[in-house]
Structures are given as C-alpha cells and as structure tokens.
PDB file of all heavy atoms in Angstrom:
ATOM      1  N   ALA A   1     -59.173 -14.827 -23.748  1.00  0.00           N
ATOM      2  CA  ALA A   1     -59.832 -13.642 -23.155  1.00  0.00           C
ATOM      3  C   ALA A   1     -60.687 -14.189 -21.950  1.00  0.00           C
ATOM      4  O   ALA A   1     -60.742 -13.534 -20.863  1.00  0.00           O
ATOM      5  CB  ALA A   1     -60.737 -12.997 -24.215  1.00  0.00           C
ATOM      6  N   LEU A   2     -61.431 -15.353 -22.149  1.00  0.00           N
ATOM      7  CA  LEU A   2     -62.152 -15.868 -21.009  1.00  0.00           C
ATOM      8  C   LEU A   2     -61.252 -16.251 -19.838  1.00  0.00           C
ATOM      9  O   LEU A   2     -61.550 -15.987 -18.670  1.00  0.00           O
ATOM     10  CB  LEU A   2     -62.941 -17.087 -21.508  1.00  0.00           C
ATOM     11  CG  LEU A   2     -64.126 -16.887 -22.373  1.00  0.00           C
ATOM     12  CD1 LEU A   2     -64.560 -18.179 -23.031  1.00  0.00           C
ATOM     13  CD2 LEU A   2     -65.222 -16.208 -21.635  1.00  0.00           C
ATOM     14  N   ALA A   3     -60.122 -16.817 -20.133  1.00  0.00           N
ATOM     15  CA  ALA A   3     -59.166 -17.171 -19.074  1.00  0.00           C
ATOM     16  C   ALA A   3     -58.596 -15.993 -18.412  1.00  0.00           C
ATOM     17  O   ALA A   3     -58.471 -15.965 -17.142  1.00  0.00           O
ATOM     18  CB  ALA A   3     -57.987 -18.003 -19.689  1.00  0.00           C
ATOM     19  N   ALA A   4     -58.309 -14.936 -19.188  1.00  0.00           N
ATOM     20  CA  ALA A   4     -57.857 -13.676 -18.528  1.00  0.00           C
ATOM     21  C   ALA A   4     -58.919 -13.093 -17.656  1.00  0.00           C
ATOM     22  O   ALA A   4     -58.606 -12.568 -16.578  1.00  0.00           O
ATOM     23  CB  ALA A   4     -57.470 -12.736 -19.621  1.00  0.00           C
ATOM     24  N   ALA A   5     -60.188 -13.187 -18.018  1.00  0.00           N
ATOM     25  CA  ALA A   5     -61.275 -12.543 -17.262  1.00  0.00           C
ATOM     26  C   ALA A   5     -61.394 -13.348 -15.968  1.00  0.00           C
ATOM     27  O   ALA A   5     -61.641 -12.841 -14.881  1.00  0.00           O
ATOM     28  CB  ALA A   5     -62.592 -12.644 -17.997  1.00  0.00           C
ATOM     29  N   PHE A   6     -61.221 -14.708 -16.054  1.00  0.00           N
ATOM     30  CA  PHE A   6     -61.344 -15.581 -14.834  1.00  0.00           C
ATOM     31  C   PHE A   6     -60.183 -15.152 -13.889  1.00  0.00           C
ATOM     32  O   PHE A   6     -60.400 -15.052 -12.623  1.00  0.00           O
ATOM     33  CB  PHE A   6     -61.278 -16.979 -15.239  1.00  0.00           C
ATOM     34  CG  PHE A   6     -61.190 -17.965 -14.177  1.00  0.00           C
ATOM     35  CD1 PHE A   6     -62.151 -18.002 -13.148  1.00  0.00           C
ATOM     36  CD2 PHE A   6     -60.113 -18.891 -14.025  1.00  0.00           C
ATOM     37  CE1 PHE A   6     -62.008 -18.937 -12.097  1.00  0.00           C
ATOM     38  CE2 PHE A   6     -60.035 -19.790 -13.031  1.00  0.00           C
ATOM     39  CZ  PHE A   6     -60.968 -19.811 -12.023  1.00  0.00           C
ATOM     40  N   ARG A   7     -58.951 -15.088 -14.387  1.00  0.00           N
ATOM     41  CA  ARG A   7     -57.797 -14.802 -13.553  1.00  0.00           C
ATOM     42  C   ARG A   7     -57.952 -13.394 -12.924  1.00  0.00           C
ATOM     43  O   ARG A   7     -57.585 -13.254 -11.730  1.00  0.00           O
ATOM     44  CB  ARG A   7     -56.526 -14.909 -14.346  1.00  0.00           C
ATOM     45  CG  ARG A   7     -56.128 -16.334 -14.735  1.00  0.00           C
ATOM     46  CD  ARG A   7     -54.648 -16.289 -15.306  1.00  0.00           C
ATOM     47  NE  ARG A   7     -54.157 -17.594 -15.656  1.00  0.00           N
ATOM     48  CZ  ARG A   7     -54.088 -18.132 -16.830  1.00  0.00           C
ATOM     49  NH1 ARG A   7     -54.551 -17.452 -17.874  1.00  0.00           N
ATOM     50  NH2 ARG A   7     -53.624 -19.372 -17.021  1.00  0.00           N
ATOM     51  N   SER A   8     -58.450 -12.473 -13.678  1.00  0.00           N
ATOM     52  CA  SER A   8     -58.612 -11.065 -13.180  1.00  0.00           C
ATOM     53  C   SER A   8     -59.605 -11.070 -11.980  1.00  0.00           C
ATOM     54  O   SER A   8     -59.536 -10.174 -11.080  1.00  0.00           O
ATOM     55  CB  SER A   8     -59.036 -10.109 -14.272  1.00  0.00           C
ATOM     56  OG  SER A   8     -60.446 -10.318 -14.569  1.00  0.00           O
ATOM     57  N   ALA A   9     -60.496 -11.994 -11.981  1.00  0.00           N
ATOM     58  CA  ALA A   9     -61.480 -12.046 -10.838  1.00  0.00           C
ATOM     59  C   ALA A   9     -60.914 -12.830  -9.672  1.00  0.00           C
ATOM     60  O   ALA A   9     -61.619 -13.009  -8.589  1.00  0.00           O
ATOM     61  CB  ALA A   9     -62.722 -12.746 -11.378  1.00  0.00           C
ATOM     62  N   GLY A  10     -59.752 -13.388  -9.797  1.00  0.00           N
ATOM     63  CA  GLY A  10     -59.069 -14.089  -8.712  1.00  0.00           C
ATOM     64  C   GLY A  10     -58.977 -15.557  -8.872  1.00  0.00           C
ATOM     65  O   GLY A  10     -58.557 -16.277  -7.910  1.00  0.00           O
ATOM     66  N   GLY A  11     -59.416 -16.078  -9.924  1.00  0.00           N
ATOM     67  CA  GLY A  11     -59.387 -17.532 -10.173  1.00  0.00           C
ATOM     68  C   GLY A  11     -58.017 -18.099 -10.455  1.00  0.00           C
ATOM     69  O   GLY A  11     -57.079 -17.368 -10.896  1.00  0.00           O
ATOM     70  N   THR A  12     -57.903 -19.446 -10.210  1.00  0.00           N
ATOM     71  CA  THR A  12     -56.650 -20.092 -10.411  1.00  0.00           C
ATOM     72  C   THR A  12     -56.723 -21.134 -11.488  1.00  0.00           C
ATOM     73  O   THR A  12     -57.682 -21.898 -11.482  1.00  0.00           O
ATOM     74  CB  THR A  12     -56.110 -20.756  -9.104  1.00  0.00           C
ATOM     75  OG1 THR A  12     -56.069 -19.793  -8.061  1.00  0.00           O
ATOM     76  CG2 THR A  12     -54.805 -21.461  -9.299  1.00  0.00           C
ATOM     77  N   ILE A  13     -55.750 -21.195 -12.452  1.00  0.00           N
ATOM     78  CA  ILE A  13     -55.740 -22.179 -13.550  1.00  0.00           C
ATOM     79  C   ILE A  13     -54.488 -22.956 -13.421  1.00  0.00           C
ATOM     80  O   ILE A  13     -53.448 -22.439 -13.305  1.00  0.00           O
ATOM     81  CB  ILE A  13     -55.837 -21.522 -14.890  1.00  0.00           C
ATOM     82  CG1 ILE A  13     -57.143 -20.737 -15.078  1.00  0.00           C
ATOM     83  CG2 ILE A  13     -55.736 -22.596 -16.041  1.00  0.00           C
ATOM     84  CD1 ILE A  13     -57.261 -19.930 -16.341  1.00  0.00           C
ATOM     85  N   GLU A  14     -54.669 -24.264 -13.481  1.00  0.00           N
ATOM     86  CA  GLU A  14     -53.487 -25.239 -13.563  1.00  0.00           C
ATOM     87  C   GLU A  14     -53.596 -26.016 -14.865  1.00  0.00           C
ATOM     88  O   GLU A  14     -54.527 -26.794 -14.998  1.00  0.00           O
ATOM     89  CB  GLU A  14     -53.426 -26.144 -12.376  1.00  0.00           C
ATOM     90  CG  GLU A  14     -53.128 -25.366 -11.008  1.00  0.00           C
ATOM     91  CD  GLU A  14     -53.080 -26.346  -9.811  1.00  0.00           C
ATOM     92  OE1 GLU A  14     -53.038 -27.574 -10.108  1.00  0.00           O
ATOM     93  OE2 GLU A  14     -52.958 -25.869  -8.734  1.00  0.00           O
ATOM     94  N   THR A  15     -52.687 -25.840 -15.763  1.00  0.00           N
ATOM     95  CA  THR A  15     -52.652 -26.680 -16.986  1.00  0.00           C
ATOM     96  C   THR A  15     -51.793 -27.842 -16.855  1.00  0.00           C
ATOM     97  O   THR A  15     -50.995 -27.998 -15.909  1.00  0.00           O
ATOM     98  CB  THR A  15     -52.212 -25.757 -18.195  1.00  0.00           C
ATOM     99  OG1 THR A  15     -50.892 -25.281 -17.868  1.00  0.00           O
ATOM    100  CG2 THR A  15     -53.152 -24.553 -18.411  1.00  0.00           C
ATOM    101  N   GLY A  16     -51.784 -28.761 -17.783  1.00  0.00           N
ATOM    102  CA  GLY A  16     -51.008 -29.943 -17.733  1.00  0.00           C
ATOM    103  C   GLY A  16     -51.464 -30.869 -16.594  1.00  0.00           C
ATOM    104  O   GLY A  16     -50.626 -31.663 -16.159  1.00  0.00           O
ATOM    105  N   THR A  17     -52.707 -30.830 -16.258  1.00  0.00           N
ATOM    106  CA  THR A  17     -53.240 -31.637 -15.164  1.00  0.00           C
ATOM    107  C   THR A  17     -54.378 -32.522 -15.622  1.00  0.00           C
ATOM    108  O   THR A  17     -55.482 -32.043 -15.691  1.00  0.00           O
ATOM    109  CB  THR A  17     -53.645 -30.768 -13.969  1.00  0.00           C
ATOM    110  OG1 THR A  17     -52.628 -29.920 -13.605  1.00  0.00           O
ATOM    111  CG2 THR A  17     -54.048 -31.638 -12.804  1.00  0.00           C
ATOM    112  N   ARG A  18     -54.108 -33.715 -15.946  1.00  0.00           N
ATOM    113  CA  ARG A  18     -55.144 -34.616 -16.433  1.00  0.00           C
ATOM    114  C   ARG A  18     -55.740 -35.356 -15.292  1.00  0.00           C
ATOM    115  O   ARG A  18     -55.047 -36.017 -14.427  1.00  0.00           O
ATOM    116  CB  ARG A  18     -54.531 -35.689 -17.508  1.00  0.00           C
ATOM    117  CG  ARG A  18     -55.676 -36.467 -18.080  1.00  0.00           C
ATOM    118  CD  ARG A  18     -54.995 -37.334 -19.208  1.00  0.00           C
ATOM    119  NE  ARG A  18     -54.403 -36.449 -20.310  1.00  0.00           N
ATOM    120  CZ  ARG A  18     -55.144 -35.916 -21.295  1.00  0.00           C
ATOM    121  NH1 ARG A  18     -56.483 -36.050 -21.314  1.00  0.00           N
ATOM    122  NH2 ARG A  18     -54.545 -35.208 -22.145  1.00  0.00           N
ATOM    123  N   VAL A  19     -57.093 -35.399 -15.211  1.00  0.00           N
ATOM    124  CA  VAL A  19     -57.786 -36.026 -14.076  1.00  0.00           C
ATOM    125  C   VAL A  19     -58.440 -37.284 -14.632  1.00  0.00           C
ATOM    126  O   VAL A  19     -59.122 -37.352 -15.596  1.00  0.00           O
ATOM    127  CB  VAL A  19     -58.930 -35.021 -13.601  1.00  0.00           C
ATOM    128  CG1 VAL A  19     -59.719 -35.731 -12.499  1.00  0.00           C
ATOM    129  CG2 VAL A  19     -58.301 -33.771 -13.087  1.00  0.00           C
ATOM    130  N   THR A  20     -58.075 -38.408 -13.932  1.00  0.00           N
ATOM    131  CA  THR A  20     -58.653 -39.758 -14.269  1.00  0.00           C
ATOM    132  C   THR A  20     -59.599 -40.238 -13.264  1.00  0.00           C
ATOM    133  O   THR A  20     -60.263 -41.264 -13.450  1.00  0.00           O
ATOM    134  CB  THR A  20     -57.461 -40.732 -14.544  1.00  0.00           C
ATOM    135  OG1 THR A  20     -56.727 -40.810 -13.276  1.00  0.00           O
ATOM    136  CG2 THR A  20     -56.574 -40.255 -15.650  1.00  0.00           C
ATOM    137  N   SER A  21     -59.632 -39.602 -12.043  1.00  0.00           N
ATOM    138  CA  SER A  21     -60.578 -40.039 -10.987  1.00  0.00           C
ATOM    139  C   SER A  21     -60.776 -38.858 -10.117  1.00  0.00           C
ATOM    140  O   SER A  21     -59.938 -37.978  -9.843  1.00  0.00           O
ATOM    141  CB  SER A  21     -59.895 -41.139 -10.124  1.00  0.00           C
ATOM    142  OG  SER A  21     -60.690 -41.458  -8.979  1.00  0.00           O
ATOM    143  N   LEU A  22     -62.027 -38.834  -9.571  1.00  0.00           N
ATOM    144  CA  LEU A  22     -62.376 -37.754  -8.579  1.00  0.00           C
ATOM    145  C   LEU A  22     -61.432 -37.781  -7.390  1.00  0.00           C
ATOM    146  O   LEU A  22     -61.284 -36.759  -6.694  1.00  0.00           O
ATOM    147  CB  LEU A  22     -63.799 -37.868  -8.238  1.00  0.00           C
ATOM    148  CG  LEU A  22     -64.941 -37.600  -9.236  1.00  0.00           C
ATOM    149  CD1 LEU A  22     -66.248 -37.672  -8.682  1.00  0.00           C
ATOM    150  CD2 LEU A  22     -64.667 -36.307  -9.942  1.00  0.00           C
ATOM    151  N   ASP A  23     -60.923 -38.957  -7.041  1.00  0.00           N
ATOM    152  CA  ASP A  23     -60.086 -39.076  -5.916  1.00  0.00           C
ATOM    153  C   ASP A  23     -58.775 -38.287  -6.008  1.00  0.00           C
ATOM    154  O   ASP A  23     -58.097 -37.979  -5.046  1.00  0.00           O
ATOM    155  CB  ASP A  23     -59.666 -40.575  -5.658  1.00  0.00           C
ATOM    156  CG  ASP A  23     -60.901 -41.422  -5.275  1.00  0.00           C
ATOM    157  OD1 ASP A  23     -61.896 -40.844  -4.775  1.00  0.00           O
ATOM    158  OD2 ASP A  23     -60.846 -42.634  -5.556  1.00  0.00           O
ATOM    159  N   GLU A  24     -58.447 -37.928  -7.248  1.00  0.00           N
ATOM    160  CA  GLU A  24     -57.204 -37.117  -7.468  1.00  0.00           C
ATOM    161  C   GLU A  24     -57.387 -35.618  -7.241  1.00  0.00           C
ATOM    162  O   GLU A  24     -56.429 -34.896  -7.225  1.00  0.00           O
ATOM    163  CB  GLU A  24     -56.766 -37.268  -8.929  1.00  0.00           C
ATOM    164  CG  GLU A  24     -56.509 -38.736  -9.352  1.00  0.00           C
ATOM    165  CD  GLU A  24     -56.272 -38.857 -10.844  1.00  0.00           C
ATOM    166  OE1 GLU A  24     -56.315 -37.842 -11.571  1.00  0.00           O
ATOM    167  OE2 GLU A  24     -56.153 -40.072 -11.306  1.00  0.00           O
ATOM    168  N   LEU A  25     -58.656 -35.197  -7.068  1.00  0.00           N
ATOM    169  CA  LEU A  25     -58.927 -33.771  -6.962  1.00  0.00           C
ATOM    170  C   LEU A  25     -58.721 -33.296  -5.495  1.00  0.00           C
ATOM    171  O   LEU A  25     -59.029 -34.018  -4.555  1.00  0.00           O
ATOM    172  CB  LEU A  25     -60.325 -33.494  -7.363  1.00  0.00           C
ATOM    173  CG  LEU A  25     -60.734 -33.834  -8.821  1.00  0.00           C
ATOM    174  CD1 LEU A  25     -62.202 -33.490  -9.114  1.00  0.00           C
ATOM    175  CD2 LEU A  25     -59.799 -32.989  -9.796  1.00  0.00           C
ATOM    176  N   PRO A  26     -58.360 -32.076  -5.312  1.00  0.00           N
ATOM    177  CA  PRO A  26     -58.315 -31.464  -3.927  1.00  0.00           C
ATOM    178  C   PRO A  26     -59.729 -31.349  -3.398  1.00  0.00           C
ATOM    179  O   PRO A  26     -60.727 -31.267  -4.144  1.00  0.00           O
ATOM    180  CB  PRO A  26     -57.705 -30.088  -4.224  1.00  0.00           C
ATOM    181  CG  PRO A  26     -57.967 -29.801  -5.627  1.00  0.00           C
ATOM    182  CD  PRO A  26     -57.972 -31.142  -6.365  1.00  0.00           C
ATOM    183  N   GLU A  27     -59.779 -31.296  -2.102  1.00  0.00           N
ATOM    184  CA  GLU A  27     -61.126 -31.184  -1.455  1.00  0.00           C
ATOM    185  C   GLU A  27     -61.762 -29.817  -1.885  1.00  0.00           C
ATOM    186  O   GLU A  27     -61.187 -28.808  -1.946  1.00  0.00           O
ATOM    187  CB  GLU A  27     -60.976 -31.167   0.082  1.00  0.00           C
ATOM    188  CG  GLU A  27     -62.267 -31.185   0.842  1.00  0.00           C
ATOM    189  CD  GLU A  27     -62.026 -31.454   2.343  1.00  0.00           C
ATOM    190  OE1 GLU A  27     -60.894 -31.743   2.688  1.00  0.00           O
ATOM    191  OE2 GLU A  27     -63.024 -31.169   3.036  1.00  0.00           O
ATOM    192  N   ALA A  28     -63.063 -29.949  -2.152  1.00  0.00           N
ATOM    193  CA  ALA A  28     -63.840 -28.711  -2.553  1.00  0.00           C
ATOM    194  C   ALA A  28     -65.355 -29.056  -2.185  1.00  0.00           C
ATOM    195  O   ALA A  28     -65.760 -30.175  -2.150  1.00  0.00           O
ATOM    196  CB  ALA A  28     -63.751 -28.481  -4.037  1.00  0.00           C
ATOM    197  N   ARG A  29     -66.041 -27.987  -2.162  1.00  0.00           N
ATOM    198  CA  ARG A  29     -67.553 -28.048  -1.877  1.00  0.00           C
ATOM    199  C   ARG A  29     -68.340 -28.600  -3.078  1.00  0.00           C
ATOM    200  O   ARG A  29     -69.343 -29.181  -2.931  1.00  0.00           O
ATOM    201  CB  ARG A  29     -68.060 -26.806  -1.353  1.00  0.00           C
ATOM    202  CG  ARG A  29     -67.482 -26.320   0.022  1.00  0.00           C
ATOM    203  CD  ARG A  29     -67.933 -24.934   0.289  1.00  0.00           C
ATOM    204  NE  ARG A  29     -69.346 -24.801   0.460  1.00  0.00           N
ATOM    205  CZ  ARG A  29     -69.965 -23.564   0.574  1.00  0.00           C
ATOM    206  NH1 ARG A  29     -69.206 -22.452   0.530  1.00  0.00           N
ATOM    207  NH2 ARG A  29     -71.270 -23.477   0.691  1.00  0.00           N
ATOM    208  N   ALA A  30     -67.734 -28.325  -4.241  1.00  0.00           N
ATOM    209  CA  ALA A  30     -68.405 -28.750  -5.479  1.00  0.00           C
ATOM    210  C   ALA A  30     -67.437 -28.999  -6.564  1.00  0.00           C
ATOM    211  O   ALA A  30     -66.392 -28.339  -6.633  1.00  0.00           O
ATOM    212  CB  ALA A  30     -69.494 -27.835  -5.944  1.00  0.00           C
ATOM    213  N   VAL A  31     -67.687 -29.979  -7.426  1.00  0.00           N
ATOM    214  CA  VAL A  31     -66.856 -30.300  -8.531  1.00  0.00           C
ATOM    215  C   VAL A  31     -67.617 -30.200  -9.862  1.00  0.00           C
ATOM    216  O   VAL A  31     -68.741 -30.663  -9.877  1.00  0.00           O
ATOM    217  CB  VAL A  31     -66.205 -31.727  -8.393  1.00  0.00           C
ATOM    218  CG1 VAL A  31     -65.513 -32.120  -9.737  1.00  0.00           C
ATOM    219  CG2 VAL A  31     -65.290 -31.839  -7.224  1.00  0.00           C
ATOM    220  N   PHE A  32     -67.050 -29.627 -10.829  1.00  0.00           N
ATOM    221  CA  PHE A  32     -67.679 -29.471 -12.168  1.00  0.00           C
ATOM    222  C   PHE A  32     -66.906 -30.122 -13.212  1.00  0.00           C
ATOM    223  O   PHE A  32     -65.671 -29.913 -13.286  1.00  0.00           O
ATOM    224  CB  PHE A  32     -67.788 -27.929 -12.468  1.00  0.00           C
ATOM    225  CG  PHE A  32     -68.663 -27.203 -11.504  1.00  0.00           C
ATOM    226  CD1 PHE A  32     -68.184 -26.833 -10.273  1.00  0.00           C
ATOM    227  CD2 PHE A  32     -69.971 -26.874 -11.849  1.00  0.00           C
ATOM    228  CE1 PHE A  32     -69.006 -26.137  -9.319  1.00  0.00           C
ATOM    229  CE2 PHE A  32     -70.814 -26.171 -10.913  1.00  0.00           C
ATOM    230  CZ  PHE A  32     -70.294 -25.835  -9.670  1.00  0.00           C
ATOM    231  N   LEU A  33     -67.448 -30.996 -13.978  1.00  0.00           N
ATOM    232  CA  LEU A  33     -66.812 -31.739 -14.990  1.00  0.00           C
ATOM    233  C   LEU A  33     -67.227 -31.284 -16.372  1.00  0.00           C
ATOM    234  O   LEU A  33     -68.398 -31.502 -16.775  1.00  0.00           O
ATOM    235  CB  LEU A  33     -67.083 -33.247 -14.884  1.00  0.00           C
ATOM    236  CG  LEU A  33     -66.764 -33.870 -13.518  1.00  0.00           C
ATOM    237  CD1 LEU A  33     -67.154 -35.284 -13.410  1.00  0.00           C
ATOM    238  CD2 LEU A  33     -65.274 -33.729 -13.194  1.00  0.00           C
ATOM    239  N   ALA A  34     -66.353 -30.651 -17.136  1.00  0.00           N
ATOM    240  CA  ALA A  34     -66.620 -30.233 -18.524  1.00  0.00           C
ATOM    241  C   ALA A  34     -66.190 -31.406 -19.435  1.00  0.00           C
ATOM    242  O   ALA A  34     -65.297 -31.261 -20.221  1.00  0.00           O
ATOM    243  CB  ALA A  34     -65.875 -28.930 -18.845  1.00  0.00           C
ATOM    244  N   LEU A  35     -66.847 -32.524 -19.289  1.00  0.00           N
ATOM    245  CA  LEU A  35     -66.515 -33.741 -19.951  1.00  0.00           C
ATOM    246  C   LEU A  35     -67.778 -34.407 -20.535  1.00  0.00           C
ATOM    247  O   LEU A  35     -68.929 -34.079 -20.091  1.00  0.00           O
ATOM    248  CB  LEU A  35     -65.902 -34.766 -19.023  1.00  0.00           C
ATOM    249  CG  LEU A  35     -64.728 -34.285 -18.141  1.00  0.00           C
ATOM    250  CD1 LEU A  35     -64.398 -35.271 -17.067  1.00  0.00           C
ATOM    251  CD2 LEU A  35     -63.514 -33.994 -19.081  1.00  0.00           C
ATOM    252  N   THR A  36     -67.618 -35.242 -21.572  1.00  0.00           N
ATOM    253  CA  THR A  36     -68.806 -35.931 -22.084  1.00  0.00           C
ATOM    254  C   THR A  36     -69.201 -36.973 -21.093  1.00  0.00           C
ATOM    255  O   THR A  36     -68.483 -37.381 -20.179  1.00  0.00           O
ATOM    256  CB  THR A  36     -68.470 -36.606 -23.471  1.00  0.00           C
ATOM    257  OG1 THR A  36     -67.543 -37.660 -23.192  1.00  0.00           O
ATOM    258  CG2 THR A  36     -67.873 -35.640 -24.382  1.00  0.00           C
ATOM    259  N   PHE A  37     -70.441 -37.478 -21.309  1.00  0.00           N
ATOM    260  CA  PHE A  37     -71.035 -38.358 -20.284  1.00  0.00           C
ATOM    261  C   PHE A  37     -70.260 -39.653 -20.072  1.00  0.00           C
ATOM    262  O   PHE A  37     -70.164 -40.117 -18.897  1.00  0.00           O
ATOM    263  CB  PHE A  37     -72.499 -38.593 -20.522  1.00  0.00           C
ATOM    264  CG  PHE A  37     -73.421 -37.466 -20.090  1.00  0.00           C
ATOM    265  CD1 PHE A  37     -74.153 -36.827 -20.992  1.00  0.00           C
ATOM    266  CD2 PHE A  37     -73.433 -37.072 -18.821  1.00  0.00           C
ATOM    267  CE1 PHE A  37     -74.991 -35.780 -20.648  1.00  0.00           C
ATOM    268  CE2 PHE A  37     -74.171 -35.925 -18.398  1.00  0.00           C
ATOM    269  CZ  PHE A  37     -75.014 -35.309 -19.316  1.00  0.00           C
TER     270      PHE A  37
END
C-alpha cells in the first residue's frame, strides 16, 4: 500500500537493484540510505 501511494504520487521504484557504493547511484541532489550504520 505504501508503494502504491508513492507510485500514485509520481514516484519511481526499481527492484532487483543492489547498491554497494554511492558511485553506482545516478546523480541526485540528495541520497537517502535506509541501511544500518
């Protein structure tokens, strides 16, 4: 339901994408990591 709410607001979700370095991320003004420290 949360994912559907995000998509309905215009957001984009890509699954199956494991991030091992910030260098792998597309350019953005801010990055948020929902990861342990």
